[in-house]
């Protein structure tokens, strides 16, 4: 299982746009229900920082998220929307209790 966290900070005037793009990803995920994907997004209290958590159960570590059309659209101009670009960090789970969204 591959787990990652992505954190970035968008320009204040682009925060609402970024959130709309993220919501479009979730709309598509609800329709397509990709196998083995767990995904959550949070907007932090500063109003412009976002954190995405994703895990994939595929053996090769490939995430089904990369095939989601709305996610590709979200990624297209992310550098233009950001003050601080995405920083990707791998995660190792120590434990979990009632994961988000369950």
N, C-alpha and C. Protein backbone atom coordinates (compact mmCIF):
# COMPACT_ATOMS: atom_id res chain seq x y z
N UNK A 1 0.85 -1.18 0.00
CA UNK A 1 0.00 0.00 0.00
C UNK A 1 0.89 1.24 0.00
N UNK A 2 0.56 2.17 -0.86
CA UNK A 2 1.30 3.43 -0.94
C UNK A 2 0.44 4.53 -0.33
N UNK A 3 1.04 5.32 0.56
CA UNK A 3 0.32 6.42 1.21
C UNK A 3 1.13 7.70 1.04
N UNK A 4 0.44 8.78 0.68
CA UNK A 4 1.11 10.06 0.51
C UNK A 4 0.29 11.19 1.10
N UNK A 5 1.00 12.27 1.45
CA UNK A 5 0.38 13.50 1.88
C UNK A 5 0.93 14.61 0.99
N UNK A 6 0.05 15.47 0.51
CA UNK A 6 0.45 16.60 -0.31
C UNK A 6 -0.06 17.86 0.38
N UNK A 7 0.83 18.82 0.60
CA UNK A 7 0.46 20.08 1.23
C UNK A 7 0.90 21.22 0.33
N UNK A 8 0.04 22.23 0.19
CA UNK A 8 0.37 23.40 -0.62
C UNK A 8 -0.45 24.59 -0.14
N UNK A 9 -0.03 25.77 -0.57
CA UNK A 9 -0.69 27.01 -0.16
C UNK A 9 -1.05 27.78 -1.43
N UNK A 10 -2.33 28.06 -1.61
CA UNK A 10 -2.77 28.78 -2.80
C UNK A 10 -2.82 30.28 -2.54
N UNK A 11 -2.84 31.04 -3.62
CA UNK A 11 -2.99 32.49 -3.52
C UNK A 11 -4.39 32.76 -2.96
N UNK A 12 -4.51 33.74 -2.06
CA UNK A 12 -5.80 33.98 -1.41
C UNK A 12 -6.96 34.16 -2.40
N UNK A 13 -6.71 34.83 -3.52
CA UNK A 13 -7.79 35.05 -4.48
C UNK A 13 -8.10 33.82 -5.32
N UNK A 14 -7.37 32.73 -5.12
CA UNK A 14 -7.59 31.49 -5.89
C UNK A 14 -8.08 30.34 -5.01
N UNK A 15 -8.28 30.60 -3.71
CA UNK A 15 -8.67 29.54 -2.78
C UNK A 15 -10.03 28.94 -3.12
N UNK A 16 -11.01 29.77 -3.45
CA UNK A 16 -12.34 29.27 -3.79
C UNK A 16 -12.30 28.45 -5.07
N UNK A 17 -11.53 28.91 -6.05
CA UNK A 17 -11.37 28.16 -7.29
C UNK A 17 -10.74 26.80 -7.02
N UNK A 18 -9.70 26.78 -6.19
CA UNK A 18 -9.05 25.53 -5.85
C UNK A 18 -10.02 24.56 -5.19
N UNK A 19 -10.83 25.08 -4.27
CA UNK A 19 -11.79 24.22 -3.59
C UNK A 19 -12.82 23.67 -4.57
N UNK A 20 -13.26 24.47 -5.54
CA UNK A 20 -14.21 23.98 -6.55
C UNK A 20 -13.59 22.84 -7.37
N UNK A 21 -12.33 23.00 -7.73
CA UNK A 21 -11.64 21.95 -8.49
C UNK A 21 -11.53 20.67 -7.67
N UNK A 22 -11.24 20.80 -6.39
CA UNK A 22 -11.14 19.64 -5.51
C UNK A 22 -12.50 18.95 -5.39
N UNK A 23 -13.56 19.73 -5.24
CA UNK A 23 -14.90 19.15 -5.13
C UNK A 23 -15.29 18.41 -6.40
N UNK A 24 -14.84 18.89 -7.56
CA UNK A 24 -15.10 18.20 -8.82
C UNK A 24 -14.43 16.82 -8.83
N UNK A 25 -13.25 16.72 -8.23
CA UNK A 25 -12.58 15.43 -8.12
C UNK A 25 -13.46 14.47 -7.32
N UNK A 26 -14.00 14.95 -6.20
CA UNK A 26 -14.84 14.08 -5.37
C UNK A 26 -16.13 13.70 -6.07
N UNK A 27 -16.69 14.60 -6.86
CA UNK A 27 -17.89 14.26 -7.64
C UNK A 27 -17.60 13.10 -8.59
N UNK A 28 -16.45 13.18 -9.27
CA UNK A 28 -16.09 12.10 -10.19
C UNK A 28 -15.77 10.81 -9.44
N UNK A 29 -15.09 10.91 -8.31
CA UNK A 29 -14.79 9.71 -7.53
C UNK A 29 -16.06 9.01 -7.08
N UNK A 30 -17.07 9.77 -6.69
CA UNK A 30 -18.35 9.16 -6.27
C UNK A 30 -19.00 8.42 -7.44
N UNK A 31 -18.84 8.95 -8.65
CA UNK A 31 -19.43 8.30 -9.83
C UNK A 31 -18.64 7.07 -10.26
N UNK A 32 -17.31 7.14 -10.21
CA UNK A 32 -16.48 6.08 -10.75
C UNK A 32 -16.05 5.04 -9.73
N UNK A 33 -16.01 5.40 -8.45
CA UNK A 33 -15.63 4.50 -7.36
C UNK A 33 -14.41 3.64 -7.68
N UNK A 34 -13.24 4.27 -7.88
CA UNK A 34 -12.04 3.48 -8.19
C UNK A 34 -11.67 2.53 -7.05
N UNK A 35 -11.29 1.34 -7.42
CA UNK A 35 -10.95 0.30 -6.46
C UNK A 35 -9.64 0.61 -5.75
N UNK A 36 -9.63 0.39 -4.44
CA UNK A 36 -8.40 0.47 -3.66
C UNK A 36 -7.91 1.86 -3.33
N UNK A 37 -8.72 2.88 -3.58
CA UNK A 37 -8.30 4.27 -3.32
C UNK A 37 -9.00 4.81 -2.08
N UNK A 38 -8.22 5.43 -1.22
CA UNK A 38 -8.74 6.21 -0.10
C UNK A 38 -8.15 7.60 -0.25
N UNK A 39 -9.00 8.62 -0.09
CA UNK A 39 -8.56 9.97 -0.42
C UNK A 39 -9.33 10.96 0.44
N UNK A 40 -8.63 11.92 1.00
CA UNK A 40 -9.26 12.96 1.81
C UNK A 40 -8.54 14.28 1.57
N UNK A 41 -9.29 15.36 1.60
CA UNK A 41 -8.71 16.69 1.42
C UNK A 41 -9.20 17.59 2.55
N UNK A 42 -8.30 18.41 3.04
CA UNK A 42 -8.61 19.33 4.14
C UNK A 42 -8.15 20.73 3.77
N UNK A 43 -8.94 21.71 4.13
CA UNK A 43 -8.55 23.12 4.01
C UNK A 43 -8.20 23.58 5.42
N UNK A 44 -7.00 24.06 5.61
CA UNK A 44 -6.54 24.44 6.95
C UNK A 44 -7.12 25.78 7.38
N UNK A 45 -6.98 26.08 8.65
CA UNK A 45 -7.59 27.28 9.23
C UNK A 45 -7.12 28.59 8.62
N UNK A 46 -5.95 28.61 8.00
CA UNK A 46 -5.50 29.86 7.39
C UNK A 46 -6.30 30.20 6.13
N UNK A 47 -7.11 29.25 5.66
CA UNK A 47 -8.00 29.48 4.53
C UNK A 47 -7.35 29.31 3.17
N UNK A 48 -6.05 29.16 3.11
CA UNK A 48 -5.35 29.04 1.83
C UNK A 48 -4.46 27.80 1.72
N UNK A 49 -4.26 27.10 2.81
CA UNK A 49 -3.44 25.89 2.79
C UNK A 49 -4.36 24.68 2.68
N UNK A 50 -3.94 23.73 1.86
CA UNK A 50 -4.70 22.51 1.64
C UNK A 50 -3.79 21.32 1.90
N UNK A 51 -4.38 20.25 2.41
CA UNK A 51 -3.67 19.00 2.62
C UNK A 51 -4.51 17.88 1.99
N UNK A 52 -3.86 17.07 1.18
CA UNK A 52 -4.51 15.90 0.58
C UNK A 52 -3.82 14.66 1.14
N UNK A 53 -4.61 13.68 1.56
CA UNK A 53 -4.09 12.39 2.00
C UNK A 53 -4.63 11.34 1.06
N UNK A 54 -3.77 10.48 0.56
CA UNK A 54 -4.21 9.44 -0.37
C UNK A 54 -3.50 8.14 -0.07
N UNK A 55 -4.22 7.05 -0.25
CA UNK A 55 -3.59 5.74 -0.18
C UNK A 55 -4.16 4.88 -1.29
N UNK A 56 -3.30 4.02 -1.80
CA UNK A 56 -3.68 3.13 -2.88
C UNK A 56 -3.25 1.73 -2.52
N UNK A 57 -4.10 0.77 -2.77
CA UNK A 57 -3.81 -0.62 -2.43
C UNK A 57 -3.18 -1.39 -3.57
N UNK A 58 -2.83 -0.71 -4.66
CA UNK A 58 -2.25 -1.42 -5.80
C UNK A 58 -0.84 -1.89 -5.49
N UNK A 59 -0.49 -3.03 -6.03
CA UNK A 59 0.83 -3.62 -5.79
C UNK A 59 1.97 -2.77 -6.34
N UNK A 60 1.72 -2.11 -7.47
CA UNK A 60 2.78 -1.32 -8.10
C UNK A 60 2.87 0.10 -7.56
N UNK A 61 1.98 0.46 -6.62
CA UNK A 61 2.00 1.80 -6.04
C UNK A 61 1.33 2.85 -6.90
N UNK A 62 0.84 2.44 -8.08
CA UNK A 62 0.14 3.37 -8.97
C UNK A 62 -1.21 3.73 -8.37
N UNK A 63 -1.52 5.00 -8.35
CA UNK A 63 -2.78 5.45 -7.77
C UNK A 63 -3.85 5.60 -8.85
N UNK A 64 -5.04 5.06 -8.62
CA UNK A 64 -6.14 5.25 -9.56
C UNK A 64 -6.52 6.73 -9.69
N UNK A 65 -6.11 7.54 -8.74
CA UNK A 65 -6.41 8.96 -8.77
C UNK A 65 -5.81 9.63 -10.01
N UNK A 66 -4.67 9.14 -10.46
CA UNK A 66 -4.02 9.75 -11.62
C UNK A 66 -4.81 9.57 -12.90
N UNK A 67 -5.79 8.67 -12.90
CA UNK A 67 -6.63 8.44 -14.08
C UNK A 67 -7.94 9.22 -14.03
N UNK A 68 -8.20 9.92 -12.96
CA UNK A 68 -9.45 10.67 -12.80
C UNK A 68 -9.36 11.98 -13.58
N UNK A 69 -10.26 12.17 -14.52
CA UNK A 69 -10.23 13.35 -15.40
C UNK A 69 -10.25 14.65 -14.60
N UNK A 70 -11.10 14.74 -13.60
CA UNK A 70 -11.20 15.96 -12.79
C UNK A 70 -9.90 16.22 -12.02
N UNK A 71 -9.20 15.16 -11.63
CA UNK A 71 -7.93 15.33 -10.94
C UNK A 71 -6.87 15.88 -11.90
N UNK A 72 -6.90 15.41 -13.13
CA UNK A 72 -5.98 15.95 -14.13
C UNK A 72 -6.25 17.44 -14.35
N UNK A 73 -7.51 17.83 -14.37
CA UNK A 73 -7.87 19.25 -14.52
C UNK A 73 -7.41 20.05 -13.31
N UNK A 74 -7.54 19.47 -12.13
CA UNK A 74 -7.08 20.10 -10.90
C UNK A 74 -5.57 20.37 -10.97
N UNK A 75 -4.82 19.43 -11.51
CA UNK A 75 -3.36 19.55 -11.57
C UNK A 75 -2.87 20.52 -12.64
N UNK A 76 -3.68 20.77 -13.67
CA UNK A 76 -3.22 21.52 -14.84
C UNK A 76 -2.53 22.84 -14.52
N UNK A 77 -3.13 23.69 -13.72
CA UNK A 77 -2.53 25.01 -13.46
C UNK A 77 -2.27 25.24 -11.98
N UNK A 78 -1.96 24.16 -11.27
CA UNK A 78 -1.77 24.29 -9.83
C UNK A 78 -0.62 25.24 -9.49
N UNK A 79 0.43 25.26 -10.29
CA UNK A 79 1.54 26.17 -10.01
C UNK A 79 1.12 27.63 -10.11
N UNK A 80 0.20 27.93 -11.01
CA UNK A 80 -0.31 29.30 -11.13
C UNK A 80 -1.19 29.69 -9.94
N UNK A 81 -1.87 28.70 -9.34
CA UNK A 81 -2.76 28.98 -8.21
C UNK A 81 -2.01 29.10 -6.89
N UNK A 82 -0.78 28.58 -6.84
CA UNK A 82 -0.09 28.43 -5.56
C UNK A 82 0.90 29.55 -5.24
N UNK A 83 0.94 29.89 -3.95
CA UNK A 83 2.04 30.68 -3.39
C UNK A 83 3.18 29.76 -3.01
N UNK A 84 2.82 28.60 -2.46
CA UNK A 84 3.79 27.55 -2.12
C UNK A 84 3.32 26.29 -2.81
N UNK A 85 4.12 25.79 -3.72
CA UNK A 85 3.74 24.63 -4.52
C UNK A 85 3.59 23.36 -3.70
N UNK A 86 3.02 22.35 -4.31
CA UNK A 86 2.78 21.08 -3.62
C UNK A 86 4.07 20.41 -3.15
N UNK A 87 4.05 19.99 -1.91
CA UNK A 87 5.13 19.20 -1.33
C UNK A 87 4.56 17.83 -1.02
N UNK A 88 5.13 16.80 -1.63
CA UNK A 88 4.64 15.44 -1.48
C UNK A 88 5.52 14.71 -0.48
N UNK A 89 4.87 14.06 0.46
CA UNK A 89 5.55 13.30 1.50
C UNK A 89 4.94 11.92 1.60
N UNK A 90 5.76 10.91 1.65
CA UNK A 90 5.26 9.56 1.87
C UNK A 90 4.86 9.39 3.34
N UNK A 91 3.89 8.55 3.58
CA UNK A 91 3.40 8.30 4.94
C UNK A 91 3.56 6.83 5.30
N UNK A 92 3.83 6.58 6.55
CA UNK A 92 3.81 5.23 7.09
C UNK A 92 2.83 5.23 8.24
N UNK A 93 1.78 4.47 8.12
CA UNK A 93 0.76 4.45 9.17
C UNK A 93 1.27 3.73 10.40
N UNK A 94 1.07 4.37 11.54
CA UNK A 94 1.38 3.75 12.83
C UNK A 94 0.14 3.06 13.36
N UNK A 95 -0.98 3.68 13.15
CA UNK A 95 -2.26 3.13 13.56
C UNK A 95 -3.36 4.03 13.07
N UNK A 96 -4.57 3.55 13.11
CA UNK A 96 -5.71 4.39 12.72
C UNK A 96 -6.93 3.96 13.51
N UNK A 97 -7.80 4.90 13.70
CA UNK A 97 -9.05 4.63 14.40
C UNK A 97 -10.13 5.43 13.72
N UNK A 98 -11.10 4.75 13.15
CA UNK A 98 -12.20 5.40 12.46
C UNK A 98 -11.68 6.43 11.45
N UNK A 99 -11.14 5.94 10.39
CA UNK A 99 -10.56 6.81 9.37
C UNK A 99 -11.58 7.83 8.89
N UNK A 100 -11.08 8.98 8.44
CA UNK A 100 -11.93 10.04 7.93
C UNK A 100 -12.82 9.52 6.83
N UNK A 101 -14.07 9.94 6.81
CA UNK A 101 -14.99 9.57 5.76
C UNK A 101 -15.63 8.21 5.91
N UNK A 102 -15.33 7.48 6.98
CA UNK A 102 -15.94 6.17 7.17
C UNK A 102 -17.14 6.30 8.07
